Amino acid sequence: MVLLVNRILLSLTVACCAAASAYAAQLGAGPDAFRTSAQFSVDKDVLRFSSVVAVVESRPSPPGHSVLRVYFYSFPFSADDIAGLANGSVEPLERKRMQTASAQERNRSRAVLHLLLNEGSNLWNASLEVPGTTCTIVVAPENVKAAFQEYAFNGKQLRLKGKGASTCDLTSVGAGKRELSWDVDVRIPVFTKY
């Protein structure tokens, strides 16, 4: 019985990997499609990233809205890493990050842009998550162009280019003010979280 369950699990894993590979191949997306040279800073600490992946998921409220998360990593992706994105989960990338980065590098090996989209996939709010800080950098639709000079999302591909800065006021929680900046230029396929 255990052998049968193991075979079924292996078959499902192979099928998921094949589906993700087929999806990425359909989009013409090998590991090179996920390369970037993004840069973020927190005060005077500069973080540089070489890989990027985007995952979209629906939000239950308000209906029709979604969250598009753009994850930046400091290591190159392999074909297996891309195949592991079949269900839109970055858990395999997070495990790899934790296994390959030294304790000192772990706090510098990831950043995330959380983009809130309305029913028409228009960007109307964005937050930047860097080690130790998460702060809103776009508070309303009229602020989008100041943060991201190019934004386009058609449900399968994301074009995001922006260079900007923001002061993150955390004085209400006793953490003072942090100066954040970003410089991103990505054109990548987007995976859907199920």
N, C-alpha and C. Protein backbone atom coordinates (compact mmCIF):
# COMPACT_ATOMS: atom_id res chain seq x y z
N MET A 1 0.83 -1.20 0.00
CA MET A 1 0.00 0.00 0.00
C MET A 1 0.87 1.26 0.00
N VAL A 2 1.90 1.26 0.85
CA VAL A 2 2.80 2.43 0.92
C VAL A 2 3.49 2.63 -0.42
N LEU A 3 3.88 1.53 -1.05
CA LEU A 3 4.53 1.62 -2.35
C LEU A 3 3.59 2.23 -3.39
N LEU A 4 2.33 1.84 -3.36
CA LEU A 4 1.35 2.38 -4.28
C LEU A 4 1.16 3.89 -4.06
N VAL A 5 1.05 4.30 -2.80
CA VAL A 5 0.90 5.73 -2.48
C VAL A 5 2.12 6.51 -2.95
N ASN A 6 3.30 5.96 -2.72
CA ASN A 6 4.53 6.63 -3.17
C ASN A 6 4.56 6.77 -4.68
N ARG A 7 4.12 5.76 -5.41
CA ARG A 7 4.08 5.83 -6.87
C ARG A 7 3.08 6.89 -7.34
N ILE A 8 1.94 6.96 -6.68
CA ILE A 8 0.94 7.96 -7.03
C ILE A 8 1.49 9.36 -6.78
N LEU A 9 2.12 9.56 -5.61
CA LEU A 9 2.70 10.87 -5.30
C LEU A 9 3.80 11.24 -6.30
N LEU A 10 4.62 10.29 -6.67
CA LEU A 10 5.66 10.55 -7.65
C LEU A 10 5.04 10.93 -9.00
N SER A 11 3.99 10.21 -9.39
CA SER A 11 3.31 10.52 -10.65
C SER A 11 2.72 11.92 -10.64
N LEU A 12 2.10 12.31 -9.53
CA LEU A 12 1.54 13.65 -9.41
C LEU A 12 2.62 14.72 -9.45
N THR A 13 3.74 14.46 -8.80
CA THR A 13 4.85 15.41 -8.80
C THR A 13 5.39 15.59 -10.21
N VAL A 14 5.59 14.48 -10.91
CA VAL A 14 6.08 14.54 -12.29
C VAL A 14 5.08 15.29 -13.17
N ALA A 15 3.79 15.03 -12.98
CA ALA A 15 2.76 15.70 -13.78
C ALA A 15 2.75 17.21 -13.51
N CYS A 16 2.89 17.62 -12.24
CA CYS A 16 2.93 19.05 -11.91
C CYS A 16 4.15 19.72 -12.51
N CYS A 17 5.29 19.04 -12.40
CA CYS A 17 6.52 19.61 -12.98
C CYS A 17 6.39 19.73 -14.50
N ALA A 18 5.80 18.72 -15.11
CA ALA A 18 5.62 18.74 -16.56
C ALA A 18 4.67 19.87 -16.96
N ALA A 19 3.61 20.07 -16.15
CA ALA A 19 2.66 21.14 -16.45
C ALA A 19 3.32 22.51 -16.34
N ALA A 20 4.12 22.71 -15.30
CA ALA A 20 4.81 24.00 -15.15
C ALA A 20 5.82 24.20 -16.26
N SER A 21 6.54 23.13 -16.61
CA SER A 21 7.51 23.24 -17.70
C SER A 21 6.81 23.55 -19.02
N ALA A 22 5.66 22.89 -19.24
CA ALA A 22 4.90 23.13 -20.47
C ALA A 22 4.38 24.57 -20.51
N TYR A 23 3.90 25.06 -19.34
CA TYR A 23 3.41 26.43 -19.27
C TYR A 23 4.55 27.41 -19.56
N ALA A 24 5.69 27.19 -18.91
CA ALA A 24 6.84 28.07 -19.12
C ALA A 24 7.32 27.99 -20.56
N ALA A 25 7.34 26.77 -21.12
CA ALA A 25 7.78 26.60 -22.51
C ALA A 25 6.81 27.28 -23.47
N GLN A 26 5.51 27.17 -23.17
CA GLN A 26 4.49 27.81 -24.00
C GLN A 26 4.72 29.32 -24.04
N LEU A 27 5.16 29.86 -22.94
CA LEU A 27 5.45 31.29 -22.88
C LEU A 27 6.85 31.61 -23.39
N GLY A 28 7.59 30.58 -23.79
CA GLY A 28 8.97 30.78 -24.22
C GLY A 28 9.86 31.15 -23.05
N ALA A 29 9.59 30.55 -21.89
CA ALA A 29 10.26 30.97 -20.67
C ALA A 29 11.15 29.89 -20.08
N GLY A 30 12.43 29.96 -20.40
CA GLY A 30 13.41 29.14 -19.72
C GLY A 30 13.98 29.95 -18.58
N PRO A 31 15.00 29.44 -17.89
CA PRO A 31 15.59 30.17 -16.76
C PRO A 31 16.02 31.60 -17.09
N ASP A 32 16.46 31.83 -18.33
CA ASP A 32 16.91 33.19 -18.69
C ASP A 32 15.77 34.21 -18.66
N ALA A 33 14.53 33.75 -18.84
CA ALA A 33 13.39 34.68 -18.85
C ALA A 33 13.14 35.29 -17.47
N PHE A 34 13.75 34.72 -16.43
CA PHE A 34 13.51 35.18 -15.07
C PHE A 34 14.70 35.93 -14.49
N ARG A 35 15.65 36.30 -15.35
CA ARG A 35 16.82 37.06 -14.89
C ARG A 35 16.49 38.54 -14.83
N THR A 36 17.15 39.19 -13.90
CA THR A 36 16.96 40.63 -13.74
C THR A 36 18.21 41.22 -13.11
N SER A 37 18.24 42.51 -13.00
CA SER A 37 19.31 43.19 -12.25
C SER A 37 18.65 44.27 -11.39
N ALA A 38 17.68 43.85 -10.61
CA ALA A 38 16.93 44.77 -9.75
C ALA A 38 17.76 45.19 -8.54
N GLN A 39 17.45 46.37 -8.07
CA GLN A 39 18.16 46.90 -6.91
C GLN A 39 17.18 47.61 -5.99
N PHE A 40 17.31 47.35 -4.70
CA PHE A 40 16.50 48.00 -3.68
C PHE A 40 17.45 48.53 -2.62
N SER A 41 17.01 49.55 -1.90
CA SER A 41 17.82 50.01 -0.78
C SER A 41 16.92 50.35 0.39
N VAL A 42 17.47 50.13 1.57
CA VAL A 42 16.84 50.51 2.83
C VAL A 42 17.87 51.37 3.53
N ASP A 43 17.56 52.65 3.66
CA ASP A 43 18.53 53.62 4.14
C ASP A 43 19.77 53.53 3.24
N LYS A 44 20.93 53.18 3.76
CA LYS A 44 22.13 53.12 2.92
C LYS A 44 22.51 51.69 2.54
N ASP A 45 21.69 50.73 2.94
CA ASP A 45 21.95 49.32 2.65
C ASP A 45 21.36 48.98 1.28
N VAL A 46 22.21 48.61 0.32
CA VAL A 46 21.78 48.31 -1.05
C VAL A 46 21.66 46.80 -1.23
N LEU A 47 20.54 46.35 -1.78
CA LEU A 47 20.28 44.94 -2.05
C LEU A 47 20.17 44.75 -3.55
N ARG A 48 20.90 43.77 -4.09
CA ARG A 48 20.87 43.49 -5.53
C ARG A 48 20.35 42.07 -5.77
N PHE A 49 19.54 41.94 -6.84
CA PHE A 49 18.91 40.66 -7.12
C PHE A 49 19.10 40.28 -8.58
N SER A 50 19.25 38.97 -8.82
CA SER A 50 19.53 38.48 -10.17
C SER A 50 18.37 37.71 -10.79
N SER A 51 17.36 37.33 -10.00
CA SER A 51 16.23 36.55 -10.52
C SER A 51 14.92 37.13 -10.01
N VAL A 52 13.87 36.91 -10.80
CA VAL A 52 12.56 37.44 -10.45
C VAL A 52 11.48 36.47 -10.91
N VAL A 53 10.41 36.36 -10.14
CA VAL A 53 9.25 35.56 -10.52
C VAL A 53 8.01 36.29 -10.03
N ALA A 54 6.92 36.18 -10.78
CA ALA A 54 5.67 36.84 -10.41
C ALA A 54 4.56 35.81 -10.28
N VAL A 55 3.74 36.00 -9.25
CA VAL A 55 2.62 35.09 -8.97
C VAL A 55 1.39 35.94 -8.68
N VAL A 56 0.29 35.63 -9.35
CA VAL A 56 -0.96 36.36 -9.12
C VAL A 56 -1.95 35.44 -8.42
N GLU A 57 -2.75 36.04 -7.54
CA GLU A 57 -3.82 35.28 -6.88
C GLU A 57 -5.01 36.19 -6.66
N SER A 58 -6.19 35.60 -6.75
CA SER A 58 -7.42 36.36 -6.54
C SER A 58 -7.58 36.70 -5.08
N ARG A 59 -8.24 37.83 -4.84
CA ARG A 59 -8.60 38.22 -3.47
C ARG A 59 -10.09 38.03 -3.31
N PRO A 60 -10.52 37.47 -2.18
CA PRO A 60 -11.95 37.26 -1.99
C PRO A 60 -12.72 38.57 -1.83
N SER A 61 -12.06 39.59 -1.34
CA SER A 61 -12.76 40.85 -1.12
C SER A 61 -11.83 42.02 -1.42
N PRO A 62 -12.25 42.99 -2.16
CA PRO A 62 -13.50 43.03 -2.91
C PRO A 62 -13.45 42.09 -4.11
N PRO A 63 -14.59 41.60 -4.55
CA PRO A 63 -14.63 40.65 -5.67
C PRO A 63 -13.96 41.21 -6.92
N GLY A 64 -13.26 40.34 -7.63
CA GLY A 64 -12.62 40.74 -8.87
C GLY A 64 -11.23 41.32 -8.71
N HIS A 65 -10.82 41.61 -7.49
CA HIS A 65 -9.50 42.17 -7.25
C HIS A 65 -8.48 41.04 -7.06
N SER A 66 -7.23 41.36 -7.27
CA SER A 66 -6.18 40.36 -7.11
C SER A 66 -4.90 40.99 -6.58
N VAL A 67 -3.99 40.11 -6.16
CA VAL A 67 -2.68 40.53 -5.68
C VAL A 67 -1.65 39.89 -6.60
N LEU A 68 -0.77 40.70 -7.12
CA LEU A 68 0.33 40.24 -7.95
C LEU A 68 1.60 40.45 -7.15
N ARG A 69 2.25 39.34 -6.79
CA ARG A 69 3.48 39.43 -6.00
C ARG A 69 4.67 39.18 -6.91
N VAL A 70 5.63 40.09 -6.86
CA VAL A 70 6.83 39.99 -7.67
C VAL A 70 7.99 39.73 -6.70
N TYR A 71 8.53 38.51 -6.76
CA TYR A 71 9.58 38.07 -5.84
C TYR A 71 10.94 38.21 -6.51
N PHE A 72 11.86 38.84 -5.83
CA PHE A 72 13.22 39.02 -6.31
C PHE A 72 14.15 38.17 -5.44
N TYR A 73 15.03 37.40 -6.10
CA TYR A 73 15.97 36.53 -5.39
C TYR A 73 17.40 36.81 -5.83
N SER A 74 18.33 36.44 -4.98
CA SER A 74 19.75 36.70 -5.25
C SER A 74 20.47 35.52 -5.88
N PHE A 75 19.74 34.49 -6.28
CA PHE A 75 20.38 33.33 -6.93
C PHE A 75 19.70 33.06 -8.27
N PRO A 76 20.44 32.48 -9.22
CA PRO A 76 19.83 32.17 -10.53
C PRO A 76 18.88 30.98 -10.40
N PHE A 77 17.83 30.99 -11.21
CA PHE A 77 16.87 29.89 -11.22
C PHE A 77 17.34 28.80 -12.17
N SER A 78 17.00 27.57 -11.81
CA SER A 78 17.25 26.42 -12.69
C SER A 78 15.92 26.05 -13.35
N ALA A 79 15.97 25.14 -14.31
CA ALA A 79 14.74 24.65 -14.95
C ALA A 79 13.84 23.98 -13.91
N ASP A 80 14.43 23.28 -12.93
CA ASP A 80 13.64 22.65 -11.87
C ASP A 80 12.94 23.69 -11.00
N ASP A 81 13.62 24.81 -10.74
CA ASP A 81 12.99 25.88 -9.96
C ASP A 81 11.73 26.38 -10.66
N ILE A 82 11.83 26.57 -11.96
CA ILE A 82 10.69 27.07 -12.74
C ILE A 82 9.57 26.03 -12.76
N ALA A 83 9.94 24.76 -12.92
CA ALA A 83 8.93 23.69 -12.93
C ALA A 83 8.21 23.62 -11.59
N GLY A 84 8.90 23.97 -10.50
CA GLY A 84 8.30 23.93 -9.18
C GLY A 84 7.24 24.99 -8.95
N LEU A 85 7.07 25.89 -9.91
CA LEU A 85 6.08 26.97 -9.78
C LEU A 85 4.72 26.59 -10.36
N ALA A 86 4.50 25.32 -10.64
CA ALA A 86 3.27 24.86 -11.29
C ALA A 86 2.01 25.34 -10.59
N ASN A 87 2.01 25.34 -9.25
CA ASN A 87 0.81 25.75 -8.52
C ASN A 87 0.89 27.19 -8.04
N GLY A 88 1.91 27.93 -8.51
CA GLY A 88 2.04 29.32 -8.13
C GLY A 88 2.65 29.54 -6.76
N SER A 89 3.22 28.50 -6.17
CA SER A 89 3.83 28.62 -4.85
C SER A 89 5.33 28.84 -4.98
N VAL A 90 5.85 29.78 -4.20
CA VAL A 90 7.29 30.02 -4.20
C VAL A 90 7.98 29.24 -3.07
N GLU A 91 7.26 28.34 -2.42
CA GLU A 91 7.86 27.56 -1.33
C GLU A 91 9.14 26.86 -1.74
N PRO A 92 9.21 26.22 -2.93
CA PRO A 92 10.48 25.59 -3.31
C PRO A 92 11.62 26.60 -3.44
N LEU A 93 11.32 27.79 -3.93
CA LEU A 93 12.35 28.83 -4.03
C LEU A 93 12.78 29.30 -2.64
N GLU A 94 11.82 29.40 -1.72
CA GLU A 94 12.15 29.79 -0.35
C GLU A 94 13.03 28.75 0.33
N ARG A 95 12.72 27.47 0.10
CA ARG A 95 13.56 26.40 0.68
C ARG A 95 14.98 26.49 0.13
N LYS A 96 15.08 26.69 -1.18
CA LYS A 96 16.40 26.80 -1.81
C LYS A 96 17.16 28.00 -1.25
N ARG A 97 16.45 29.10 -1.10
CA ARG A 97 17.09 30.31 -0.56
C ARG A 97 17.63 30.06 0.85
N MET A 98 16.83 29.41 1.68
CA MET A 98 17.25 29.15 3.06
C MET A 98 18.39 28.13 3.13
N GLN A 99 18.42 27.19 2.19
CA GLN A 99 19.47 26.17 2.20
C GLN A 99 20.78 26.69 1.63
N THR A 100 20.72 27.58 0.66
CA THR A 100 21.94 28.00 -0.02
C THR A 100 22.55 29.28 0.54
N ALA A 101 21.77 30.10 1.19
CA ALA A 101 22.29 31.37 1.71
C ALA A 101 22.86 31.18 3.11
N SER A 102 23.94 31.87 3.38
CA SER A 102 24.49 31.85 4.73
C SER A 102 23.54 32.63 5.63
N ALA A 103 23.70 32.51 6.94
CA ALA A 103 22.83 33.21 7.88
C ALA A 103 22.86 34.71 7.62
N GLN A 104 24.01 35.26 7.30
CA GLN A 104 24.14 36.69 7.02
C GLN A 104 23.45 37.06 5.71
N GLU A 105 23.54 36.20 4.70
CA GLU A 105 22.95 36.48 3.39
C GLU A 105 21.43 36.35 3.39
N ARG A 106 20.85 35.56 4.29
CA ARG A 106 19.41 35.32 4.28
C ARG A 106 18.61 36.61 4.36
N ASN A 107 19.10 37.57 5.11
CA ASN A 107 18.38 38.84 5.25
C ASN A 107 18.60 39.77 4.07
N ARG A 108 19.37 39.33 3.09
CA ARG A 108 19.64 40.15 1.92
C ARG A 108 19.29 39.42 0.62
N SER A 109 18.66 38.26 0.73
CA SER A 109 18.49 37.41 -0.45
C SER A 109 17.08 37.41 -1.05
N ARG A 110 16.20 38.31 -0.58
CA ARG A 110 14.85 38.37 -1.14
C ARG A 110 14.21 39.72 -0.90
N ALA A 111 13.43 40.15 -1.87
CA ALA A 111 12.56 41.33 -1.73
C ALA A 111 11.28 41.00 -2.48
N VAL A 112 10.19 41.63 -2.08
CA VAL A 112 8.90 41.36 -2.73
C VAL A 112 8.15 42.67 -2.95
N LEU A 113 7.62 42.83 -4.15
CA LEU A 113 6.67 43.90 -4.45
C LEU A 113 5.28 43.28 -4.42
N HIS A 114 4.40 43.82 -3.60
CA HIS A 114 3.01 43.36 -3.50
C HIS A 114 2.16 44.39 -4.24
N LEU A 115 1.64 44.00 -5.39
CA LEU A 115 0.86 44.92 -6.22
C LEU A 115 -0.62 44.56 -6.10
N LEU A 116 -1.43 45.49 -5.66
CA LEU A 116 -2.88 45.26 -5.56
C LEU A 116 -3.53 45.76 -6.83
N LEU A 117 -4.32 44.88 -7.46
CA LEU A 117 -4.93 45.18 -8.75
C LEU A 117 -6.44 45.22 -8.63
N ASN A 118 -7.06 46.11 -9.40
CA ASN A 118 -8.52 46.16 -9.41
C ASN A 118 -9.07 45.17 -10.43
N GLU A 119 -10.36 45.22 -10.69
CA GLU A 119 -11.02 44.27 -11.61
C GLU A 119 -10.43 44.29 -13.01
N GLY A 120 -9.94 45.40 -13.45
CA GLY A 120 -9.36 45.51 -14.79
C GLY A 120 -7.86 45.27 -14.81
N SER A 121 -7.32 44.71 -13.73
CA SER A 121 -5.88 44.47 -13.57
C SER A 121 -5.05 45.75 -13.56
N ASN A 122 -5.70 46.86 -13.22
CA ASN A 122 -4.98 48.12 -13.07
C ASN A 122 -4.37 48.19 -11.68
N LEU A 123 -3.15 48.67 -11.61
CA LEU A 123 -2.44 48.81 -10.35
C LEU A 123 -2.99 49.99 -9.58
N TRP A 124 -3.38 49.78 -8.31
CA TRP A 124 -3.91 50.88 -7.52
C TRP A 124 -3.27 51.02 -6.15
N ASN A 125 -2.42 50.07 -5.76
CA ASN A 125 -1.72 50.15 -4.49
C ASN A 125 -0.54 49.19 -4.55
N ALA A 126 0.58 49.56 -3.92
CA ALA A 126 1.74 48.67 -3.92
C ALA A 126 2.53 48.84 -2.63
N SER A 127 3.08 47.72 -2.17
CA SER A 127 3.95 47.71 -0.99
C SER A 127 5.26 47.06 -1.37
N LEU A 128 6.31 47.49 -0.70
CA LEU A 128 7.64 46.90 -0.88
C LEU A 128 8.02 46.21 0.41
N GLU A 129 8.40 44.94 0.29
CA GLU A 129 8.86 44.15 1.43
C GLU A 129 10.35 43.86 1.24
N VAL A 130 11.15 44.39 2.14
CA VAL A 130 12.58 44.12 2.18
C VAL A 130 12.88 43.64 3.60
N PRO A 131 14.03 43.02 3.82
CA PRO A 131 14.32 42.49 5.16
C PRO A 131 14.08 43.52 6.27
N GLY A 132 13.19 43.17 7.18
CA GLY A 132 12.92 44.01 8.33
C GLY A 132 11.91 45.12 8.12
N THR A 133 11.44 45.32 6.89
CA THR A 133 10.53 46.43 6.61
C THR A 133 9.55 46.06 5.50
N THR A 134 8.29 46.37 5.72
CA THR A 134 7.28 46.33 4.65
C THR A 134 6.55 47.65 4.72
N CYS A 135 6.48 48.33 3.58
CA CYS A 135 5.88 49.66 3.59
C CYS A 135 5.15 49.92 2.27
N THR A 136 4.06 50.66 2.33
CA THR A 136 3.31 51.04 1.15
C THR A 136 4.10 52.10 0.38
N ILE A 137 4.29 51.86 -0.92
CA ILE A 137 5.01 52.82 -1.76
C ILE A 137 4.09 53.47 -2.80
N VAL A 138 2.93 52.87 -3.03
CA VAL A 138 1.90 53.47 -3.89
C VAL A 138 0.62 53.45 -3.07
N VAL A 139 0.12 54.63 -2.70
CA VAL A 139 -1.06 54.69 -1.84
C VAL A 139 -2.37 54.86 -2.59
N ALA A 140 -2.28 55.28 -3.86
CA ALA A 140 -3.50 55.50 -4.66
C ALA A 140 -3.13 55.41 -6.13
N PRO A 141 -4.13 55.14 -6.99
CA PRO A 141 -3.85 55.01 -8.43
C PRO A 141 -3.10 56.19 -9.04
N GLU A 142 -3.37 57.39 -8.55
CA GLU A 142 -2.69 58.56 -9.12
C GLU A 142 -1.20 58.61 -8.79
N ASN A 143 -0.72 57.75 -7.85
CA ASN A 143 0.70 57.70 -7.49
C ASN A 143 1.48 56.63 -8.25
N VAL A 144 0.80 55.85 -9.08
CA VAL A 144 1.46 54.72 -9.76
C VAL A 144 2.61 55.19 -10.64
N LYS A 145 2.40 56.19 -11.48
CA LYS A 145 3.43 56.63 -12.44
C LYS A 145 4.69 57.14 -11.74
N ALA A 146 4.57 57.68 -10.54
CA ALA A 146 5.75 58.15 -9.81
C ALA A 146 6.60 56.97 -9.35
N ALA A 147 5.97 55.84 -9.07
CA ALA A 147 6.69 54.66 -8.58
C ALA A 147 7.13 53.74 -9.71
N PHE A 148 6.24 53.54 -10.69
CA PHE A 148 6.51 52.63 -11.81
C PHE A 148 6.17 53.33 -13.11
N GLN A 149 7.19 53.68 -13.86
CA GLN A 149 6.99 54.43 -15.08
C GLN A 149 6.33 53.59 -16.17
N GLU A 150 6.50 52.25 -16.09
CA GLU A 150 5.81 51.34 -17.01
C GLU A 150 5.17 50.22 -16.21
N TYR A 151 3.90 49.96 -16.47
CA TYR A 151 3.19 48.84 -15.86
C TYR A 151 2.20 48.31 -16.88
N ALA A 152 2.27 47.02 -17.15
CA ALA A 152 1.29 46.35 -18.01
C ALA A 152 1.18 44.90 -17.56
N PHE A 153 -0.04 44.45 -17.38
CA PHE A 153 -0.30 43.06 -17.00
C PHE A 153 -1.52 42.58 -17.74
N ASN A 154 -1.36 41.50 -18.52
CA ASN A 154 -2.47 40.97 -19.31
C ASN A 154 -2.99 39.63 -18.79
N GLY A 155 -2.60 39.27 -17.58
CA GLY A 155 -3.02 37.99 -17.00
C GLY A 155 -1.97 36.90 -17.15
N LYS A 156 -1.06 37.06 -18.12
CA LYS A 156 -0.02 36.05 -18.34
C LYS A 156 1.39 36.64 -18.34
N GLN A 157 1.51 37.89 -18.71
CA GLN A 157 2.82 38.56 -18.79
C GLN A 157 2.77 39.86 -17.98
N LEU A 158 3.89 40.14 -17.32
CA LEU A 158 4.01 41.39 -16.57
C LEU A 158 5.16 42.20 -17.13
N ARG A 159 4.89 43.47 -17.36
CA ARG A 159 5.92 44.44 -17.70
C ARG A 159 5.92 45.47 -16.58
N LEU A 160 7.03 45.57 -15.87
CA LEU A 160 7.12 46.49 -14.75
C LEU A 160 8.49 47.15 -14.76
N LYS A 161 8.47 48.45 -14.90
CA LYS A 161 9.72 49.22 -14.90
C LYS A 161 9.51 50.43 -14.02
N GLY A 162 10.41 50.61 -13.08
CA GLY A 162 10.26 51.76 -12.21
C GLY A 162 11.51 52.04 -11.41
N LYS A 163 11.68 53.30 -11.14
CA LYS A 163 12.77 53.78 -10.31
C LYS A 163 12.17 54.86 -9.43
N GLY A 164 12.31 54.68 -8.12
CA GLY A 164 11.71 55.66 -7.23
C GLY A 164 12.23 55.54 -5.82
N ALA A 165 11.69 56.38 -4.96
CA ALA A 165 12.07 56.38 -3.55
C ALA A 165 10.87 56.78 -2.71
N SER A 166 10.89 56.35 -1.46
CA SER A 166 9.79 56.64 -0.55
C SER A 166 10.31 56.63 0.88
N THR A 167 9.72 57.46 1.70
CA THR A 167 10.04 57.44 3.13
C THR A 167 8.99 56.60 3.82
N CYS A 168 9.44 55.59 4.52
CA CYS A 168 8.54 54.69 5.25
C CYS A 168 8.49 55.17 6.70
N ASP A 169 7.36 55.71 7.11
CA ASP A 169 7.21 56.26 8.46
C ASP A 169 6.70 55.18 9.41
N LEU A 170 7.61 54.67 10.22
CA LEU A 170 7.26 53.63 11.19
C LEU A 170 7.34 54.16 12.61
N THR A 171 7.25 55.48 12.77
CA THR A 171 7.37 56.06 14.11
C THR A 171 6.25 55.61 15.04
N SER A 172 5.09 55.28 14.48
CA SER A 172 3.97 54.85 15.32
C SER A 172 4.24 53.52 16.01
N VAL A 173 5.18 52.73 15.47
CA VAL A 173 5.55 51.45 16.10
C VAL A 173 6.96 51.51 16.67
N GLY A 174 7.48 52.73 16.80
CA GLY A 174 8.78 52.91 17.44
C GLY A 174 9.97 52.55 16.58
N ALA A 175 9.79 52.47 15.25
CA ALA A 175 10.90 52.06 14.38
C ALA A 175 11.44 53.22 13.55
N GLY A 176 11.01 54.43 13.81
CA GLY A 176 11.53 55.60 13.11
C GLY A 176 11.10 55.66 11.66
N LYS A 177 11.92 56.34 10.86
CA LYS A 177 11.65 56.48 9.43
C LYS A 177 12.75 55.78 8.66
N ARG A 178 12.36 55.07 7.60
CA ARG A 178 13.31 54.37 6.74
C ARG A 178 13.19 54.92 5.33
N GLU A 179 14.31 55.12 4.70
CA GLU A 179 14.34 55.58 3.32
C GLU A 179 14.44 54.36 2.40
N LEU A 180 13.44 54.16 1.56
CA LEU A 180 13.40 53.03 0.64
C LEU A 180 13.59 53.54 -0.79
N SER A 181 14.27 52.74 -1.60
CA SER A 181 14.34 53.06 -3.03
C SER A 181 14.33 51.76 -3.82
N TRP A 182 13.98 51.86 -5.09
CA TRP A 182 13.91 50.69 -5.96
C TRP A 182 14.28 51.08 -7.37
N ASP A 183 14.79 50.10 -8.09
CA ASP A 183 15.13 50.25 -9.50
C ASP A 183 14.90 48.88 -10.13
N VAL A 184 13.75 48.71 -10.79
CA VAL A 184 13.37 47.43 -11.36
C VAL A 184 13.00 47.59 -12.84
N ASP A 185 13.27 46.55 -13.60
CA ASP A 185 12.94 46.53 -15.02
C ASP A 185 12.73 45.07 -15.40
N VAL A 186 11.47 44.62 -15.39
CA VAL A 186 11.18 43.20 -15.66
C VAL A 186 10.11 43.05 -16.72
N ARG A 187 10.23 42.00 -17.48
CA ARG A 187 9.24 41.56 -18.45
C ARG A 187 9.23 40.03 -18.31
N ILE A 188 8.25 39.51 -17.57
CA ILE A 188 8.26 38.10 -17.20
C ILE A 188 6.88 37.46 -17.31
N PRO A 189 6.87 36.13 -17.48
CA PRO A 189 5.60 35.40 -17.41
C PRO A 189 5.11 35.39 -15.96
N VAL A 190 3.81 35.30 -15.78
CA VAL A 190 3.21 35.30 -14.45
C VAL A 190 2.55 33.95 -14.19
N PHE A 191 2.82 33.38 -13.03
CA PHE A 191 2.20 32.13 -12.61
C PHE A 191 0.97 32.45 -11.76
N THR A 192 0.00 31.55 -11.77
CA THR A 192 -1.22 31.72 -10.98
C THR A 192 -1.17 30.82 -9.77
N LYS A 193 -1.46 31.38 -8.58
CA LYS A 193 -1.51 30.59 -7.36
C LYS A 193 -2.88 29.95 -7.26
N TYR A 194 -2.90 28.65 -7.07
CA TYR A 194 -4.16 27.91 -6.94
C TYR A 194 -4.45 27.58 -5.51
